[in-house]
PDB file of N, CA and C in Angstrom:
ATOM      1  N   MET A   1       0.557  -1.588  -0.624  1.00  0.00           N
ATOM      2  CA  MET A   1      -0.147   0.060   0.124  1.00  0.00           C
ATOM      3  C   MET A   1       0.756   1.485   0.126  1.00  0.00           C
ATOM      4  N   SER A   2       1.515   2.039   0.841  1.00  0.00           N
ATOM      5  CA  SER A   2       2.747   2.996   0.842  1.00  0.00           C
ATOM      6  C   SER A   2       3.442   2.877   0.032  1.00  0.00           C
ATOM      7  N   ALA A   3       4.149   0.969  -0.801  1.00  0.00           N
ATOM      8  CA  ALA A   3       4.793   2.166  -2.668  1.00  0.00           C
ATOM      9  C   ALA A   3       3.956   1.776  -2.814  1.00  0.00           C
ATOM     10  N   VAL A   4       2.695   1.925  -3.413  1.00  0.00           N
ATOM     11  CA  VAL A   4       1.667   2.797  -4.061  1.00  0.00           C
ATOM     12  C   VAL A   4       1.488   4.113  -4.406  1.00  0.00           C
ATOM     13  N   VAL A   5       1.043   4.402  -2.841  1.00  0.00           N
ATOM     14  CA  VAL A   5       1.127   5.670  -2.290  1.00  0.00           C
ATOM     15  C   VAL A   5       2.437   6.896  -2.932  1.00  0.00           C
ATOM     16  N   LEU A   6       3.777   5.950  -2.783  1.00  0.00           N
ATOM     17  CA  LEU A   6       4.513   6.983  -3.073  1.00  0.00           C
ATOM     18  C   LEU A   6       4.564   7.412  -4.408  1.00  0.00           C
ATOM     19  N   LEU A   7       4.919   5.839  -5.115  1.00  0.00           N
ATOM     20  CA  LEU A   7       4.846   5.622  -6.503  1.00  0.00           C
ATOM     21  C   LEU A   7       3.362   7.333  -7.210  1.00  0.00           C
ATOM     22  N   ALA A   8       2.637   6.944  -7.121  1.00  0.00           N
ATOM     23  CA  ALA A   8       1.239   7.692  -7.269  1.00  0.00           C
ATOM     24  C   ALA A   8       1.650   8.696  -7.163  1.00  0.00           C
ATOM     25  N   SER A   9       2.201  10.039  -5.776  1.00  0.00           N
ATOM     26  CA  SER A   9       3.012  10.970  -5.167  1.00  0.00           C
ATOM     27  C   SER A   9       3.501  11.263  -6.385  1.00  0.00           C
ATOM     28  N   SER A  10       4.729  10.162  -7.210  1.00  0.00           N
ATOM     29  CA  SER A  10       6.049  10.646  -7.176  1.00  0.00           C
ATOM     30  C   SER A  10       5.897  10.966  -8.857  1.00  0.00           C
ATOM     31  N   VAL A  11       4.914  10.419  -8.889  1.00  0.00           N
ATOM     32  CA  VAL A  11       4.788  10.389 -10.715  1.00  0.00           C
ATOM     33  C   VAL A  11       3.525  12.032 -11.034  1.00  0.00           C
ATOM     34  N   VAL A  12       2.273  11.604  -9.697  1.00  0.00           N
ATOM     35  CA  VAL A  12       1.726  12.688  -9.782  1.00  0.00           C
ATOM     36  C   VAL A  12       2.877  14.804  -9.770  1.00  0.00           C
ATOM     37  N   THR A  13       3.995  14.359  -8.840  1.00  0.00           N
ATOM     38  CA  THR A  13       5.217  15.620  -8.662  1.00  0.00           C
ATOM     39  C   THR A  13       5.761  16.165  -9.907  1.00  0.00           C
ATOM     40  N   TRP A  14       6.323  14.883 -10.543  1.00  0.00           N
ATOM     41  CA  TRP A  14       7.066  15.310 -11.451  1.00  0.00           C
ATOM     42  C   TRP A  14       5.495  15.024 -12.109  1.00  0.00           C
ATOM     43  N   LEU A  15       4.812  15.423 -12.987  1.00  0.00           N
ATOM     44  CA  LEU A  15       3.693  15.585 -13.774  1.00  0.00           C
ATOM     45  C   LEU A  15       3.589  16.978 -13.361  1.00  0.00           C
ATOM     46  N   LEU A  16       3.416  18.003 -12.506  1.00  0.00           N
ATOM     47  CA  LEU A  16       3.845  18.984 -11.861  1.00  0.00           C
ATOM     48  C   LEU A  16       4.736  19.484 -12.600  1.00  0.00           C
ATOM     49  N   ARG A  17       5.766  19.205 -11.739  1.00  0.00           N
ATOM     50  CA  ARG A  17       7.012  19.960 -11.904  1.00  0.00           C
ATOM     51  C   ARG A  17       6.990  20.181 -14.788  1.00  0.00           C
ATOM     52  N   VAL A  18       6.883  18.799 -14.560  1.00  0.00           N
ATOM     53  CA  VAL A  18       7.524  19.092 -16.767  1.00  0.00           C
ATOM     54  C   VAL A  18       6.026  19.563 -16.698  1.00  0.00           C
ATOM     55  N   GLY A  19       4.925  19.768 -15.428  1.00  0.00           N
ATOM     56  CA  GLY A  19       3.597  20.438 -17.276  1.00  0.00           C
ATOM     57  C   GLY A  19       4.157  22.776 -16.396  1.00  0.00           C
ATOM     58  N   PHE A  20       4.022  23.235 -15.691  1.00  0.00           N
ATOM     59  CA  PHE A  20       4.644  23.900 -15.315  1.00  0.00           C
ATOM     60  C   PHE A  20       6.055  24.348 -16.253  1.00  0.00           C
ATOM     61  N   ILE A  21       6.851  23.100 -16.301  1.00  0.00           N
ATOM     62  CA  ILE A  21       8.419  23.456 -16.612  1.00  0.00           C
ATOM     63  C   ILE A  21       7.334  23.781 -18.655  1.00  0.00           C
ATOM     64  N   VAL A  22       7.158  23.284 -19.686  1.00  0.00           N
ATOM     65  CA  VAL A  22       6.235  23.440 -20.921  1.00  0.00           C
ATOM     66  C   VAL A  22       5.521  24.634 -20.890  1.00  0.00           C
ATOM     67  N   ILE A  23       4.576  24.700 -19.995  1.00  0.00           N
ATOM     68  CA  ILE A  23       3.606  25.772 -19.744  1.00  0.00           C
ATOM     69  C   ILE A  23       4.136  27.311 -19.542  1.00  0.00           C
ATOM     70  N   VAL A  24       4.631  27.101 -18.954  1.00  0.00           N
ATOM     71  CA  VAL A  24       5.703  28.988 -18.741  1.00  0.00           C
ATOM     72  C   VAL A  24       6.834  28.960 -18.878  1.00  0.00           C
ATOM     73  N   PRO A  25       7.792  28.146 -19.394  1.00  0.00           N
ATOM     74  CA  PRO A  25       9.310  27.784 -19.666  1.00  0.00           C
ATOM     75  C   PRO A  25       9.279  29.321 -18.899  1.00  0.00           C
ATOM     76  N   ALA A  26      10.868  29.813 -18.594  1.00  0.00           N
ATOM     77  CA  ALA A  26      11.760  30.805 -18.283  1.00  0.00           C
ATOM     78  C   ALA A  26      11.834  32.173 -18.497  1.00  0.00           C
ATOM     79  N   ARG A  27      11.537  31.760 -20.292  1.00  0.00           N
ATOM     80  CA  ARG A  27      11.415  32.985 -20.768  1.00  0.00           C
ATOM     81  C   ARG A  27      10.556  33.759 -21.139  1.00  0.00           C
ATOM     82  N   ARG A  28       9.153  33.663 -20.335  1.00  0.00           N
ATOM     83  CA  ARG A  28       7.593  34.009 -20.072  1.00  0.00           C
ATOM     84  C   ARG A  28       7.897  34.408 -19.166  1.00  0.00           C
ATOM     85  N   LEU A  29       8.051  34.406 -17.616  1.00  0.00           N
ATOM     86  CA  LEU A  29       7.931  34.327 -16.778  1.00  0.00           C
ATOM     87  C   LEU A  29       9.190  35.874 -17.039  1.00  0.00           C
ATOM     88  N   PRO A  30       8.310  37.229 -15.379  1.00  0.00           N
ATOM     89  CA  PRO A  30       8.942  38.753 -16.014  1.00  0.00           C
ATOM     90  C   PRO A  30      10.013  38.233 -15.272  1.00  0.00           C
ATOM     91  N   GLU A  31      10.917  40.031 -14.981  1.00  0.00           N
ATOM     92  CA  GLU A  31      12.164  39.127 -14.905  1.00  0.00           C
ATOM     93  C   GLU A  31      12.101  39.415 -13.257  1.00  0.00           C
ATOM     94  N   GLY A  32      11.304  40.013 -12.685  1.00  0.00           N
ATOM     95  CA  GLY A  32      11.933  40.333 -10.955  1.00  0.00           C
ATOM     96  C   GLY A  32      11.295  38.786 -11.030  1.00  0.00           C
ATOM     97  N   LEU A  33      10.294  37.808 -11.057  1.00  0.00           N
ATOM     98  CA  LEU A  33      10.034  35.971 -10.924  1.00  0.00           C
ATOM     99  C   LEU A  33      11.289  35.526 -11.320  1.00  0.00           C
ATOM    100  N   ARG A  34      11.567  35.581 -11.998  1.00  0.00           N
ATOM    101  CA  ARG A  34      13.179  34.895 -11.832  1.00  0.00           C
ATOM    102  C   ARG A  34      13.699  34.797 -11.428  1.00  0.00           C
ATOM    103  N   ARG A  35      14.077  36.563 -11.234  1.00  0.00           N
ATOM    104  CA  ARG A  35      15.867  36.672 -10.544  1.00  0.00           C
ATOM    105  C   ARG A  35      15.297  36.649  -8.695  1.00  0.00           C
ATOM    106  N   VAL A  36      13.798  35.992  -8.420  1.00  0.00           N
ATOM    107  CA  VAL A  36      13.448  35.399  -7.588  1.00  0.00           C
ATOM    108  C   VAL A  36      13.055  33.643  -7.043  1.00  0.00           C
ATOM    109  N   LEU A  37      13.050  33.393  -8.387  1.00  0.00           N
ATOM    110  CA  LEU A  37      13.686  32.294  -8.194  1.00  0.00           C
ATOM    111  C   LEU A  37      15.137  31.125  -7.895  1.00  0.00           C
ATOM    112  N   ASP A  38      15.983  32.608  -8.454  1.00  0.00           N
ATOM    113  CA  ASP A  38      17.253  32.142  -8.202  1.00  0.00           C
ATOM    114  C   ASP A  38      17.406  31.705  -7.040  1.00  0.00           C
ATOM    115  N   HIS A  39      16.627  32.423  -6.514  1.00  0.00           N
ATOM    116  CA  HIS A  39      16.457  32.602  -4.627  1.00  0.00           C
ATOM    117  C   HIS A  39      16.503  30.861  -3.713  1.00  0.00           C
ATOM    118  N   ALA A  40      15.552  30.690  -4.473  1.00  0.00           N
ATOM    119  CA  ALA A  40      13.885  30.188  -3.803  1.00  0.00           C
ATOM    120  C   ALA A  40      14.676  27.731  -2.608  1.00  0.00           C
ATOM    121  N   ALA A  41      16.153  28.027  -4.577  1.00  0.00           N
ATOM    122  CA  ALA A  41      16.190  26.513  -3.719  1.00  0.00           C
ATOM    123  C   ALA A  41      17.523  26.746  -3.054  1.00  0.00           C
ATOM    124  N   VAL A  42      18.669  27.865  -2.584  1.00  0.00           N
ATOM    125  CA  VAL A  42      19.134  28.442  -1.145  1.00  0.00           C
ATOM    126  C   VAL A  42      18.230  28.148  -0.158  1.00  0.00           C
ATOM    127  N   ALA A  43      16.656  28.886  -0.416  1.00  0.00           N
ATOM    128  CA  ALA A  43      16.364  29.124   0.993  1.00  0.00           C
ATOM    129  C   ALA A  43      15.665  28.005   0.951  1.00  0.00           C
ATOM    130  N   ALA A  44      15.120  26.818   0.434  1.00  0.00           N
ATOM    131  CA  ALA A  44      14.598  25.818   0.517  1.00  0.00           C
ATOM    132  C   ALA A  44      16.011  24.948   1.699  1.00  0.00           C
ATOM    133  N   LEU A  45      16.935  25.274   1.124  1.00  0.00           N
ATOM    134  CA  LEU A  45      17.994  24.236   1.158  1.00  0.00           C
ATOM    135  C   LEU A  45      18.284  24.708   3.637  1.00  0.00           C
ATOM    136  N   ALA A  46      18.531  26.597   2.839  1.00  0.00           N
ATOM    137  CA  ALA A  46      17.977  27.096   4.440  1.00  0.00           C
ATOM    138  C   ALA A  46      17.546  26.181   5.416  1.00  0.00           C
ATOM    139  N   ALA A  47      15.796  26.396   5.303  1.00  0.00           N
ATOM    140  CA  ALA A  47      14.961  25.906   5.840  1.00  0.00           C
ATOM    141  C   ALA A  47      15.281  24.406   6.346  1.00  0.00           C
ATOM    142  N   LEU A  48      16.061  24.234   5.228  1.00  0.00           N
ATOM    143  CA  LEU A  48      15.854  22.456   5.174  1.00  0.00           C
ATOM    144  C   LEU A  48      17.262  22.499   6.978  1.00  0.00           C
ATOM    145  N   LEU A  49      17.531  23.038   6.780  1.00  0.00           N
ATOM    146  CA  LEU A  49      19.601  23.005   7.431  1.00  0.00           C
ATOM    147  C   LEU A  49      18.691  23.137   9.627  1.00  0.00           C
ATOM    148  N   ALA A  50      18.319  24.541   8.488  1.00  0.00           N
ATOM    149  CA  ALA A  50      17.853  24.968   9.925  1.00  0.00           C
ATOM    150  C   ALA A  50      16.959  23.654  10.836  1.00  0.00           C
ATOM    151  N   THR A  51      15.733  23.729  10.628  1.00  0.00           N
ATOM    152  CA  THR A  51      14.811  22.412  11.445  1.00  0.00           C
ATOM    153  C   THR A  51      16.437  21.635  11.785  1.00  0.00           C
ATOM    154  N   ALA A  52      17.156  20.969  10.570  1.00  0.00           N
ATOM    155  CA  ALA A  52      17.674  20.018  11.006  1.00  0.00           C
ATOM    156  C   ALA A  52      18.394  19.832  12.262  1.00  0.00           C
ATOM    157  N   LEU A  53      19.510  21.744  12.668  1.00  0.00           N
ATOM    158  CA  LEU A  53      19.425  21.624  13.574  1.00  0.00           C
ATOM    159  C   LEU A  53      19.053  22.233  15.115  1.00  0.00           C
ATOM    160  N   THR A  54      17.747  22.537  14.557  1.00  0.00           N
ATOM    161  CA  THR A  54      16.802  23.145  15.165  1.00  0.00           C
ATOM    162  C   THR A  54      15.470  21.893  16.504  1.00  0.00           C
ATOM    163  N   ARG A  55      15.837  20.889  15.161  1.00  0.00           N
ATOM    164  CA  ARG A  55      15.108  19.909  15.623  1.00  0.00           C
ATOM    165  C   ARG A  55      15.451  18.917  17.105  1.00  0.00           C
ATOM    166  N   GLU A  56      16.253  18.818  17.358  1.00  0.00           N
ATOM    167  CA  GLU A  56      16.491  18.137  18.746  1.00  0.00           C
ATOM    168  C   GLU A  56      16.191  19.017  20.223  1.00  0.00           C
ATOM    169  N   SER A  57      17.273  19.851  19.991  1.00  0.00           N
ATOM    170  CA  SER A  57      17.697  20.615  20.852  1.00  0.00           C
ATOM    171  C   SER A  57      16.804  22.380  21.636  1.00  0.00           C
ATOM    172  N   GLY A  58      16.364  22.052  20.596  1.00  0.00           N
ATOM    173  CA  GLY A  58      15.488  23.610  20.093  1.00  0.00           C
ATOM    174  C   GLY A  58      15.634  24.763  19.907  1.00  0.00           C
ATOM    175  N   PRO A  59      15.055  26.165  20.446  1.00  0.00           N
ATOM    176  CA  PRO A  59      16.893  27.240  20.535  1.00  0.00           C
ATOM    177  C   PRO A  59      18.091  27.160  21.183  1.00  0.00           C
ATOM    178  N   ALA A  60      18.182  26.346  21.341  1.00  0.00           N
ATOM    179  CA  ALA A  60      19.479  26.420  22.704  1.00  0.00           C
ATOM    180  C   ALA A  60      20.075  25.588  22.059  1.00  0.00           C
ATOM    181  N   TRP A  61      20.464  24.919  19.865  1.00  0.00           N
ATOM    182  CA  TRP A  61      21.457  24.676  19.541  1.00  0.00           C
ATOM    183  C   TRP A  61      22.148  24.885  19.404  1.00  0.00           C
ATOM    184  N   LEU A  62      22.916  26.335  19.882  1.00  0.00           N
ATOM    185  CA  LEU A  62      23.844  26.815  19.620  1.00  0.00           C
ATOM    186  C   LEU A  62      25.114  25.636  21.283  1.00  0.00           C
ATOM    187  N   LEU A  63      23.937  25.198  22.054  1.00  0.00           N
ATOM    188  CA  LEU A  63      25.094  25.456  23.258  1.00  0.00           C
ATOM    189  C   LEU A  63      25.032  24.038  23.368  1.00  0.00           C
ATOM    190  N   THR A  64      24.022  23.005  22.507  1.00  0.00           N
ATOM    191  CA  THR A  64      24.823  22.131  22.070  1.00  0.00           C
ATOM    192  C   THR A  64      25.060  21.694  21.178  1.00  0.00           C
ATOM    193  N   PRO A  65      26.145  21.419  21.347  1.00  0.00           N
ATOM    194  CA  PRO A  65      26.269  21.167  19.980  1.00  0.00           C
ATOM    195  C   PRO A  65      26.383  19.990  19.223  1.00  0.00           C
ATOM    196  N   SER A  66      25.271  19.192  18.487  1.00  0.00           N
ATOM    197  CA  SER A  66      25.408  18.139  17.387  1.00  0.00           C
ATOM    198  C   SER A  66      26.491  18.362  16.168  1.00  0.00           C
ATOM    199  N   PRO A  67      26.486  16.127  16.388  1.00  0.00           N
ATOM    200  CA  PRO A  67      27.264  16.102  14.879  1.00  0.00           C
ATOM    201  C   PRO A  67      26.326  17.493  13.363  1.00  0.00           C
ATOM    202  N   VAL A  68      25.617  17.300  13.715  1.00  0.00           N
ATOM    203  CA  VAL A  68      24.990  18.018  12.153  1.00  0.00           C
ATOM    204  C   VAL A  68      25.586  19.776  12.640  1.00  0.00           C
ATOM    205  N   LEU A  69      25.029  20.767  13.451  1.00  0.00           N
ATOM    206  CA  LEU A  69      25.999  21.658  13.594  1.00  0.00           C
ATOM    207  C   LEU A  69      27.103  21.509  13.244  1.00  0.00           C
ATOM    208  N   VAL A  70      28.112  20.640  13.793  1.00  0.00           N
ATOM    209  CA  VAL A  70      29.617  20.348  13.232  1.00  0.00           C
ATOM    210  C   VAL A  70      29.729  20.510  11.760  1.00  0.00           C
ATOM    211  N   ALA A  71      28.652  19.470  11.368  1.00  0.00           N
ATOM    212  CA  ALA A  71      28.950  19.435   9.869  1.00  0.00           C
ATOM    213  C   ALA A  71      28.654  20.463   9.466  1.00  0.00           C
ATOM    214  N   ALA A  72      27.346  21.384   9.410  1.00  0.00           N
ATOM    215  CA  ALA A  72      27.271  22.218   8.515  1.00  0.00           C
ATOM    216  C   ALA A  72      27.998  23.781   9.003  1.00  0.00           C
ATOM    217  N   VAL A  73      28.521  24.219  10.317  1.00  0.00           N
ATOM    218  CA  VAL A  73      30.051  24.877   9.939  1.00  0.00           C
ATOM    219  C   VAL A  73      31.002  24.230   9.243  1.00  0.00           C
ATOM    220  N   ALA A  74      31.731  22.933   9.497  1.00  0.00           N
ATOM    221  CA  ALA A  74      32.997  23.075   8.026  1.00  0.00           C
ATOM    222  C   ALA A  74      32.402  22.968   6.697  1.00  0.00           C
ATOM    223  N   ALA A  75      30.411  23.046   6.080  1.00  0.00           N
ATOM    224  CA  ALA A  75      30.942  23.041   5.370  1.00  0.00           C
ATOM    225  C   ALA A  75      30.155  24.371   4.922  1.00  0.00           C
ATOM    226  N   GLY A  76      29.572  25.006   5.615  1.00  0.00           N
ATOM    227  CA  GLY A  76      30.207  26.949   5.625  1.00  0.00           C
ATOM    228  C   GLY A  76      30.941  27.560   5.332  1.00  0.00           C
ATOM    229  N   LEU A  77      32.398  26.801   5.881  1.00  0.00           N
ATOM    230  CA  LEU A  77      33.326  27.472   5.872  1.00  0.00           C
ATOM    231  C   LEU A  77      33.898  26.939   3.600  1.00  0.00           C
ATOM    232  N   VAL A  78      32.946  25.789   3.901  1.00  0.00           N
ATOM    233  CA  VAL A  78      34.025  25.132   3.095  1.00  0.00           C
ATOM    234  C   VAL A  78      33.824  25.922   2.069  1.00  0.00           C
ATOM    235  N   ALA A  79      32.321  25.781   1.453  1.00  0.00           N
ATOM    236  CA  ALA A  79      31.536  27.341   0.377  1.00  0.00           C
ATOM    237  C   ALA A  79      32.119  28.615   1.413  1.00  0.00           C
ATOM    238  N   TRP A  80      32.882  29.213   1.258  1.00  0.00           N
ATOM    239  CA  TRP A  80      32.516  30.537   2.184  1.00  0.00           C
ATOM    240  C   TRP A  80      34.185  30.801   1.022  1.00  0.00           C
ATOM    241  N   ARG A  81      35.036  29.575   1.492  1.00  0.00           N
ATOM    242  CA  ARG A  81      36.217  29.569   1.578  1.00  0.00           C
ATOM    243  C   ARG A  81      36.653  29.957  -0.652  1.00  0.00           C
ATOM    244  N   THR A  82      35.722  28.537  -0.967  1.00  0.00           N
ATOM    245  CA  THR A  82      36.541  28.182  -1.729  1.00  0.00           C
ATOM    246  C   THR A  82      34.773  28.084  -3.716  1.00  0.00           C
ATOM    247  N   GLY A  83      33.984  28.605  -2.735  1.00  0.00           N
ATOM    248  CA  GLY A  83      32.642  28.177  -3.296  1.00  0.00           C
ATOM    249  C   GLY A  83      32.444  27.059  -4.459  1.00  0.00           C
ATOM    250  N   ARG A  84      33.293  25.977  -3.958  1.00  0.00           N
ATOM    251  CA  ARG A  84      32.511  24.885  -5.024  1.00  0.00           C
ATOM    252  C   ARG A  84      31.223  23.890  -4.311  1.00  0.00           C
ATOM    253  N   MET A  85      30.907  23.618  -4.735  1.00  0.00           N
ATOM    254  CA  MET A  85      29.590  22.578  -4.500  1.00  0.00           C
ATOM    255  C   MET A  85      29.969  21.798  -4.338  1.00  0.00           C
ATOM    256  N   GLY A  86      30.836  20.315  -5.247  1.00  0.00           N
ATOM    257  CA  GLY A  86      30.827  19.032  -4.692  1.00  0.00           C
ATOM    258  C   GLY A  86      31.773  19.298  -3.777  1.00  0.00           C
ATOM    259  N   LEU A  87      32.985  19.268  -3.302  1.00  0.00           N
ATOM    260  CA  LEU A  87      33.361  20.147  -2.131  1.00  0.00           C
ATOM    261  C   LEU A  87      33.112  20.112  -1.410  1.00  0.00           C
ATOM    262  N   THR A  88      31.533  21.156  -0.914  1.00  0.00           N
ATOM    263  CA  THR A  88      31.121  21.238  -0.005  1.00  0.00           C
ATOM    264  C   THR A  88      30.587  19.980   0.698  1.00  0.00           C
ATOM    265  N   VAL A  89      30.210  19.197  -0.263  1.00  0.00           N
ATOM    266  CA  VAL A  89      28.461  18.285  -0.036  1.00  0.00           C
ATOM    267  C   VAL A  89      29.589  16.930   0.439  1.00  0.00           C
ATOM    268  N   VAL A  90      31.038  16.609   0.512  1.00  0.00           N
ATOM    269  CA  VAL A  90      32.140  15.641   0.434  1.00  0.00           C
ATOM    270  C   VAL A  90      32.437  15.897   1.792  1.00  0.00           C
ATOM    271  N   VAL A  91      33.305  17.538   1.990  1.00  0.00           N
ATOM    272  CA  VAL A  91      33.315  17.577   3.538  1.00  0.00           C
ATOM    273  C   VAL A  91      32.709  17.824   4.270  1.00  0.00           C
ATOM    274  N   ALA A  92      30.664  18.018   4.136  1.00  0.00           N
ATOM    275  CA  ALA A  92      30.348  18.064   4.564  1.00  0.00           C
ATOM    276  C   ALA A  92      29.745  16.407   5.715  1.00  0.00           C
ATOM    277  N   VAL A  93      29.600  15.210   4.151  1.00  0.00           N
ATOM    278  CA  VAL A  93      29.520  14.353   4.484  1.00  0.00           C
ATOM    279  C   VAL A  93      30.271  13.962   4.965  1.00  0.00           C
ATOM    280  N   THR A  94      31.594  14.013   4.929  1.00  0.00           N
ATOM    281  CA  THR A  94      32.987  13.040   6.411  1.00  0.00           C
ATOM    282  C   THR A  94      33.075  13.420   6.863  1.00  0.00           C
ATOM    283  N   VAL A  95      32.905  15.216   7.409  1.00  0.00           N
ATOM    284  CA  VAL A  95      32.786  15.455   8.505  1.00  0.00           C
ATOM    285  C   VAL A  95      31.373  15.786   9.436  1.00  0.00           C
ATOM    286  N   LEU A  96      29.972  15.064   9.314  1.00  0.00           N
ATOM    287  CA  LEU A  96      28.562  14.554   9.919  1.00  0.00           C
ATOM    288  C   LEU A  96      29.518  12.531   9.611  1.00  0.00           C
ATOM    289  N   TRP A  97      29.755  11.756   9.117  1.00  0.00           N
ATOM    290  CA  TRP A  97      30.752  11.087   9.227  1.00  0.00           C
ATOM    291  C   TRP A  97      31.030  10.163  11.104  1.00  0.00           C
ATOM    292  N   ALA A  98      31.823  11.304  10.536  1.00  0.00           N
ATOM    293  CA  ALA A  98      33.074  11.462  11.843  1.00  0.00           C
ATOM    294  C   ALA A  98      32.387  11.873  13.402  1.00  0.00           C
ATOM    295  N   ALA A  99      32.261  12.966  12.981  1.00  0.00           N
ATOM    296  CA  ALA A  99      30.938  13.594  14.012  1.00  0.00           C
ATOM    297  C   ALA A  99      30.354  12.352  14.329  1.00  0.00           C
ATOM    298  N   GLN A 100      29.590  11.701  14.146  1.00  0.00           N
ATOM    299  CA  GLN A 100      28.009  10.485  13.961  1.00  0.00           C
ATOM    300  C   GLN A 100      29.165   9.596  15.220  1.00  0.00           C
ATOM    301  N   LEU A 101      30.577   9.281  14.539  1.00  0.00           N
ATOM    302  CA  LEU A 101      31.175   8.499  15.237  1.00  0.00           C
ATOM    303  C   LEU A 101      32.100   9.415  16.952  1.00  0.00           C
ATOM    304  N   ILE A 102      31.900  10.146  16.461  1.00  0.00           N
ATOM    305  CA  ILE A 102      32.686  10.847  18.258  1.00  0.00           C
ATOM    306  C   ILE A 102      32.073  10.891  18.455  1.00  0.00           C
ATOM    307  N   MET A 103      31.135  11.418  18.570  1.00  0.00           N
ATOM    308  CA  MET A 103      30.123  12.220  19.890  1.00  0.00           C
ATOM    309  C   MET A 103      29.343  10.888  19.662  1.00  0.00           C
TER     310      MET A 103
END
């Protein structure tokens, strides 16, 4: 049952994405909306990270370091210094695994 629901929701999501791309191509969107959409992925990632950081410890997440916080700080530093997304992901995953083993 759950596999059928997962498959159906995946198909519906894919159809909505493809339908929007086909019906409204990027070149037909207003310039202001295109600028906003350029930041949508970064905003979504920041929201996911904030949720992961505050899920367990609540607002006092800075006082109780967690493996996710350590990996986020490492990833932030690598992204800021290098600007390379691939390297940032590799460092984040590696630091997260190491921090989970240590903590």
